[in-house]
Amino acid sequence: MDNSAFATFIGGISQVGFPIMITLYLFTRFEKKLDQLSVNISTLIEVIKAVIKDESKQR
């Protein structure tokens, strides 16, 4: 966390309170992880479709 982000975080704590700022911080972090998880699930779906298609051709 750089100085400007830290200053914004401290300012937010003084305005809305510590629990709300921690919640917002965690939601931001989880959002990034959920976006990556969605991409990985989409990729997995495509791989599974390809494997099923290959298996059906071999029969």
PDB file of N, CA and C in Angstrom:
ATOM      1  N   MET A   1       0.865  -1.173   0.000  1.00  0.00           N
ATOM      2  CA  MET A   1       0.000   0.000   0.000  1.00  0.00           C
ATOM      3  C   MET A   1       0.905   1.228   0.000  1.00  0.00           C
ATOM      4  N   ASP A   2       0.758   2.112  -0.994  1.00  0.00           N
ATOM      5  CA  ASP A   2       1.596   3.304  -1.054  1.00  0.00           C
ATOM      6  C   ASP A   2       1.075   4.380  -0.102  1.00  0.00           C
ATOM      7  N   ASN A   3       1.798   5.491  -0.016  1.00  0.00           N
ATOM      8  CA  ASN A   3       1.459   6.543   0.957  1.00  0.00           C
ATOM      9  C   ASN A   3       0.106   7.182   0.694  1.00  0.00           C
ATOM     10  N   SER A   4      -0.234   7.417  -0.575  1.00  0.00           N
ATOM     11  CA  SER A   4      -1.522   8.056  -0.866  1.00  0.00           C
ATOM     12  C   SER A   4      -2.684   7.134  -0.530  1.00  0.00           C
ATOM     13  N   ALA A   5      -2.531   5.844  -0.813  1.00  0.00           N
ATOM     14  CA  ALA A   5      -3.579   4.880  -0.465  1.00  0.00           C
ATOM     15  C   ALA A   5      -3.713   4.768   1.046  1.00  0.00           C
ATOM     16  N   PHE A   6      -2.577   4.797   1.732  1.00  0.00           N
ATOM     17  CA  PHE A   6      -2.603   4.727   3.192  1.00  0.00           C
ATOM     18  C   PHE A   6      -3.278   5.963   3.781  1.00  0.00           C
ATOM     19  N   ALA A   7      -2.981   7.143   3.225  1.00  0.00           N
ATOM     20  CA  ALA A   7      -3.599   8.380   3.708  1.00  0.00           C
ATOM     21  C   ALA A   7      -5.104   8.353   3.460  1.00  0.00           C
ATOM     22  N   THR A   8      -5.519   7.825   2.315  1.00  0.00           N
ATOM     23  CA  THR A   8      -6.947   7.708   2.023  1.00  0.00           C
ATOM     24  C   THR A   8      -7.610   6.742   2.999  1.00  0.00           C
ATOM     25  N   PHE A   9      -6.927   5.650   3.301  1.00  0.00           N
ATOM     26  CA  PHE A   9      -7.446   4.661   4.244  1.00  0.00           C
ATOM     27  C   PHE A   9      -7.619   5.271   5.634  1.00  0.00           C
ATOM     28  N   ILE A  10      -6.617   5.993   6.092  1.00  0.00           N
ATOM     29  CA  ILE A  10      -6.682   6.636   7.417  1.00  0.00           C
ATOM     30  C   ILE A  10      -7.787   7.692   7.431  1.00  0.00           C
ATOM     31  N   GLY A  11      -7.904   8.464   6.353  1.00  0.00           N
ATOM     32  CA  GLY A  11      -8.975   9.454   6.262  1.00  0.00           C
ATOM     33  C   GLY A  11     -10.343   8.809   6.291  1.00  0.00           C
ATOM     34  N   GLY A  12     -10.471   7.673   5.630  1.00  0.00           N
ATOM     35  CA  GLY A  12     -11.731   6.942   5.640  1.00  0.00           C
ATOM     36  C   GLY A  12     -12.088   6.426   7.013  1.00  0.00           C
ATOM     37  N   ILE A  13     -11.083   5.978   7.747  1.00  0.00           N
ATOM     38  CA  ILE A  13     -11.329   5.504   9.113  1.00  0.00           C
ATOM     39  C   ILE A  13     -11.885   6.632   9.968  1.00  0.00           C
ATOM     40  N   SER A  14     -11.325   7.808   9.836  1.00  0.00           N
ATOM     41  CA  SER A  14     -11.796   8.924  10.657  1.00  0.00           C
ATOM     42  C   SER A  14     -13.203   9.368  10.256  1.00  0.00           C
ATOM     43  N   GLN A  15     -13.599   9.119   9.006  1.00  0.00           N
ATOM     44  CA  GLN A  15     -14.915   9.554   8.545  1.00  0.00           C
ATOM     45  C   GLN A  15     -15.999   8.513   8.778  1.00  0.00           C
ATOM     46  N   VAL A  16     -15.745   7.247   8.493  1.00  0.00           N
ATOM     47  CA  VAL A  16     -16.803   6.237   8.571  1.00  0.00           C
ATOM     48  C   VAL A  16     -16.555   5.158   9.611  1.00  0.00           C
ATOM     49  N   GLY A  17     -15.368   5.060  10.111  1.00  0.00           N
ATOM     50  CA  GLY A  17     -15.081   4.077  11.143  1.00  0.00           C
ATOM     51  C   GLY A  17     -14.254   2.913  10.643  1.00  0.00           C
ATOM     52  N   PHE A  18     -13.559   2.311  11.576  1.00  0.00           N
ATOM     53  CA  PHE A  18     -12.641   1.222  11.268  1.00  0.00           C
ATOM     54  C   PHE A  18     -13.330  -0.003  10.677  1.00  0.00           C
ATOM     55  N   PRO A  19     -14.406  -0.515  11.268  1.00  0.00           N
ATOM     56  CA  PRO A  19     -15.023  -1.733  10.707  1.00  0.00           C
ATOM     57  C   PRO A  19     -15.494  -1.565   9.264  1.00  0.00           C
ATOM     58  N   ILE A  20     -16.042  -0.406   8.939  1.00  0.00           N
ATOM     59  CA  ILE A  20     -16.519  -0.172   7.574  1.00  0.00           C
ATOM     60  C   ILE A  20     -15.344  -0.111   6.598  1.00  0.00           C
ATOM     61  N   MET A  21     -14.264   0.522   6.981  1.00  0.00           N
ATOM     62  CA  MET A  21     -13.101   0.611   6.093  1.00  0.00           C
ATOM     63  C   MET A  21     -12.467  -0.758   5.883  1.00  0.00           C
ATOM     64  N   ILE A  22     -12.388  -1.572   6.922  1.00  0.00           N
ATOM     65  CA  ILE A  22     -11.844  -2.920   6.765  1.00  0.00           C
ATOM     66  C   ILE A  22     -12.734  -3.742   5.843  1.00  0.00           C
ATOM     67  N   THR A  23     -14.048  -3.614   6.006  1.00  0.00           N
ATOM     68  CA  THR A  23     -14.987  -4.328   5.135  1.00  0.00           C
ATOM     69  C   THR A  23     -14.801  -3.924   3.681  1.00  0.00           C
ATOM     70  N   LEU A  24     -14.695  -2.633   3.417  1.00  0.00           N
ATOM     71  CA  LEU A  24     -14.497  -2.162   2.044  1.00  0.00           C
ATOM     72  C   LEU A  24     -13.175  -2.667   1.471  1.00  0.00           C
ATOM     73  N   TYR A  25     -12.140  -2.652   2.286  1.00  0.00           N
ATOM     74  CA  TYR A  25     -10.837  -3.148   1.850  1.00  0.00           C
ATOM     75  C   TYR A  25     -10.913  -4.628   1.476  1.00  0.00           C
ATOM     76  N   LEU A  26     -11.555  -5.417   2.331  1.00  0.00           N
ATOM     77  CA  LEU A  26     -11.660  -6.849   2.071  1.00  0.00           C
ATOM     78  C   LEU A  26     -12.529  -7.139   0.849  1.00  0.00           C
ATOM     79  N   PHE A  27     -13.622  -6.397   0.680  1.00  0.00           N
ATOM     80  CA  PHE A  27     -14.463  -6.571  -0.505  1.00  0.00           C
ATOM     81  C   PHE A  27     -13.673  -6.288  -1.776  1.00  0.00           C
ATOM     82  N   THR A  28     -12.834  -5.275  -1.737  1.00  0.00           N
ATOM     83  CA  THR A  28     -12.015  -4.938  -2.903  1.00  0.00           C
ATOM     84  C   THR A  28     -11.062  -6.079  -3.230  1.00  0.00           C
ATOM     85  N   ARG A  29     -10.432  -6.633  -2.216  1.00  0.00           N
ATOM     86  CA  ARG A  29      -9.503  -7.752  -2.438  1.00  0.00           C
ATOM     87  C   ARG A  29     -10.238  -8.985  -2.929  1.00  0.00           C
ATOM     88  N   PHE A  30     -11.385  -9.293  -2.339  1.00  0.00           N
ATOM     89  CA  PHE A  30     -12.150 -10.469  -2.754  1.00  0.00           C
ATOM     90  C   PHE A  30     -12.669 -10.318  -4.173  1.00  0.00           C
ATOM     91  N   GLU A  31     -13.014  -9.104  -4.577  1.00  0.00           N
ATOM     92  CA  GLU A  31     -13.521  -8.885  -5.928  1.00  0.00           C
ATOM     93  C   GLU A  31     -12.476  -9.288  -6.962  1.00  0.00           C
ATOM     94  N   LYS A  32     -11.229  -8.920  -6.722  1.00  0.00           N
ATOM     95  CA  LYS A  32     -10.156  -9.284  -7.652  1.00  0.00           C
ATOM     96  C   LYS A  32     -10.005 -10.804  -7.723  1.00  0.00           C
ATOM     97  N   LYS A  33     -10.078 -11.452  -6.589  1.00  0.00           N
ATOM     98  CA  LYS A  33      -9.937 -12.909  -6.561  1.00  0.00           C
ATOM     99  C   LYS A  33     -11.130 -13.584  -7.234  1.00  0.00           C
ATOM    100  N   LEU A  34     -12.321 -13.044  -7.048  1.00  0.00           N
ATOM    101  CA  LEU A  34     -13.507 -13.615  -7.696  1.00  0.00           C
ATOM    102  C   LEU A  34     -13.450 -13.448  -9.205  1.00  0.00           C
ATOM    103  N   ASP A  35     -12.937 -12.306  -9.664  1.00  0.00           N
ATOM    104  CA  ASP A  35     -12.777 -12.106 -11.112  1.00  0.00           C
ATOM    105  C   ASP A  35     -11.831 -13.148 -11.694  1.00  0.00           C
ATOM    106  N   GLN A  36     -10.715 -13.406 -11.014  1.00  0.00           N
ATOM    107  CA  GLN A  36      -9.765 -14.406 -11.494  1.00  0.00           C
ATOM    108  C   GLN A  36     -10.383 -15.803 -11.440  1.00  0.00           C
ATOM    109  N   LEU A  37     -11.155 -16.073 -10.420  1.00  0.00           N
ATOM    110  CA  LEU A  37     -11.831 -17.364 -10.309  1.00  0.00           C
ATOM    111  C   LEU A  37     -12.811 -17.566 -11.460  1.00  0.00           C
ATOM    112  N   SER A  38     -13.532 -16.536 -11.842  1.00  0.00           N
ATOM    113  CA  SER A  38     -14.464 -16.623 -12.976  1.00  0.00           C
ATOM    114  C   SER A  38     -13.727 -16.940 -14.272  1.00  0.00           C
ATOM    115  N   VAL A  39     -12.597 -16.307 -14.474  1.00  0.00           N
ATOM    116  CA  VAL A  39     -11.793 -16.575 -15.670  1.00  0.00           C
ATOM    117  C   VAL A  39     -11.323 -18.027 -15.669  1.00  0.00           C
ATOM    118  N   ASN A  40     -10.865 -18.501 -14.516  1.00  0.00           N
ATOM    119  CA  ASN A  40     -10.375 -19.875 -14.432  1.00  0.00           C
ATOM    120  C   ASN A  40     -11.493 -20.884 -14.657  1.00  0.00           C
ATOM    121  N   ILE A  41     -12.670 -20.621 -14.150  1.00  0.00           N
ATOM    122  CA  ILE A  41     -13.801 -21.522 -14.353  1.00  0.00           C
ATOM    123  C   ILE A  41     -14.185 -21.558 -15.829  1.00  0.00           C
ATOM    124  N   SER A  42     -14.187 -20.413 -16.485  1.00  0.00           N
ATOM    125  CA  SER A  42     -14.501 -20.371 -17.921  1.00  0.00           C
ATOM    126  C   SER A  42     -13.491 -21.174 -18.726  1.00  0.00           C
ATOM    127  N   THR A  43     -12.226 -21.047 -18.373  1.00  0.00           N
ATOM    128  CA  THR A  43     -11.180 -21.810 -19.043  1.00  0.00           C
ATOM    129  C   THR A  43     -11.370 -23.300 -18.810  1.00  0.00           C
ATOM    130  N   LEU A  44     -11.689 -23.678 -17.590  1.00  0.00           N
ATOM    131  CA  LEU A  44     -11.915 -25.081 -17.262  1.00  0.00           C
ATOM    132  C   LEU A  44     -13.092 -25.656 -18.047  1.00  0.00           C
ATOM    133  N   ILE A  45     -14.145 -24.876 -18.193  1.00  0.00           N
ATOM    134  CA  ILE A  45     -15.308 -25.321 -18.975  1.00  0.00           C
ATOM    135  C   ILE A  45     -14.905 -25.610 -20.420  1.00  0.00           C
ATOM    136  N   GLU A  46     -14.122 -24.726 -21.004  1.00  0.00           N
ATOM    137  CA  GLU A  46     -13.680 -24.924 -22.383  1.00  0.00           C
ATOM    138  C   GLU A  46     -12.809 -26.172 -22.512  1.00  0.00           C
ATOM    139  N   VAL A  47     -11.940 -26.402 -21.544  1.00  0.00           N
ATOM    140  CA  VAL A  47     -11.075 -27.588 -21.585  1.00  0.00           C
ATOM    141  C   VAL A  47     -11.914 -28.849 -21.465  1.00  0.00           C
ATOM    142  N   ILE A  48     -12.882 -28.852 -20.575  1.00  0.00           N
ATOM    143  CA  ILE A  48     -13.746 -30.022 -20.406  1.00  0.00           C
ATOM    144  C   ILE A  48     -14.533 -30.289 -21.687  1.00  0.00           C
ATOM    145  N   LYS A  49     -15.050 -29.237 -22.321  1.00  0.00           N
ATOM    146  CA  LYS A  49     -15.766 -29.411 -23.582  1.00  0.00           C
ATOM    147  C   LYS A  49     -14.862 -30.021 -24.649  1.00  0.00           C
ATOM    148  N   ALA A  50     -13.617 -29.563 -24.712  1.00  0.00           N
ATOM    149  CA  ALA A  50     -12.676 -30.086 -25.696  1.00  0.00           C
ATOM    150  C   ALA A  50     -12.375 -31.555 -25.437  1.00  0.00           C
ATOM    151  N   VAL A  51     -12.208 -31.923 -24.180  1.00  0.00           N
ATOM    152  CA  VAL A  51     -11.923 -33.324 -23.841  1.00  0.00           C
ATOM    153  C   VAL A  51     -13.117 -34.202 -24.197  1.00  0.00           C
ATOM    154  N   ILE A  52     -14.311 -33.754 -23.882  1.00  0.00           N
ATOM    155  CA  ILE A  52     -15.514 -34.523 -24.213  1.00  0.00           C
ATOM    156  C   ILE A  52     -15.647 -34.677 -25.721  1.00  0.00           C
ATOM    157  N   LYS A  53     -15.361 -33.623 -26.460  1.00  0.00           N
ATOM    158  CA  LYS A  53     -15.447 -33.670 -27.921  1.00  0.00           C
ATOM    159  C   LYS A  53     -14.426 -34.664 -28.478  1.00  0.00           C
ATOM    160  N   ASP A  54     -13.194 -34.647 -27.946  1.00  0.00           N
ATOM    161  CA  ASP A  54     -12.171 -35.584 -28.396  1.00  0.00           C
ATOM    162  C   ASP A  54     -12.544 -37.032 -28.084  1.00  0.00           C
ATOM    163  N   GLU A  55     -13.125 -37.258 -26.921  1.00  0.00           N
ATOM    164  CA  GLU A  55     -13.513 -38.614 -26.544  1.00  0.00           C
ATOM    165  C   GLU A  55     -14.644 -39.126 -27.436  1.00  0.00           C
ATOM    166  N   SER A  56     -15.566 -38.238 -27.798  1.00  0.00           N
ATOM    167  CA  SER A  56     -16.672 -38.673 -28.661  1.00  0.00           C
ATOM    168  C   SER A  56     -16.182 -38.988 -30.073  1.00  0.00           C
ATOM    169  N   LYS A  57     -15.138 -38.318 -30.541  1.00  0.00           N
ATOM    170  CA  LYS A  57     -14.571 -38.608 -31.862  1.00  0.00           C
ATOM    171  C   LYS A  57     -13.851 -39.944 -31.871  1.00  0.00           C
ATOM    172  N   GLN A  58     -13.276 -40.324 -30.753  1.00  0.00           N
ATOM    173  CA  GLN A  58     -12.514 -41.575 -30.689  1.00  0.00           C
ATOM    174  C   GLN A  58     -13.426 -42.791 -30.667  1.00  0.00           C
ATOM    175  N   ARG A  59     -14.660 -42.638 -30.328  1.00  0.00           N
ATOM    176  CA  ARG A  59     -15.587 -43.781 -30.256  1.00  0.00           C
ATOM    177  C   ARG A  59     -16.107 -44.156 -31.570  1.00  0.00           C
TER     178      ARG A  59
END
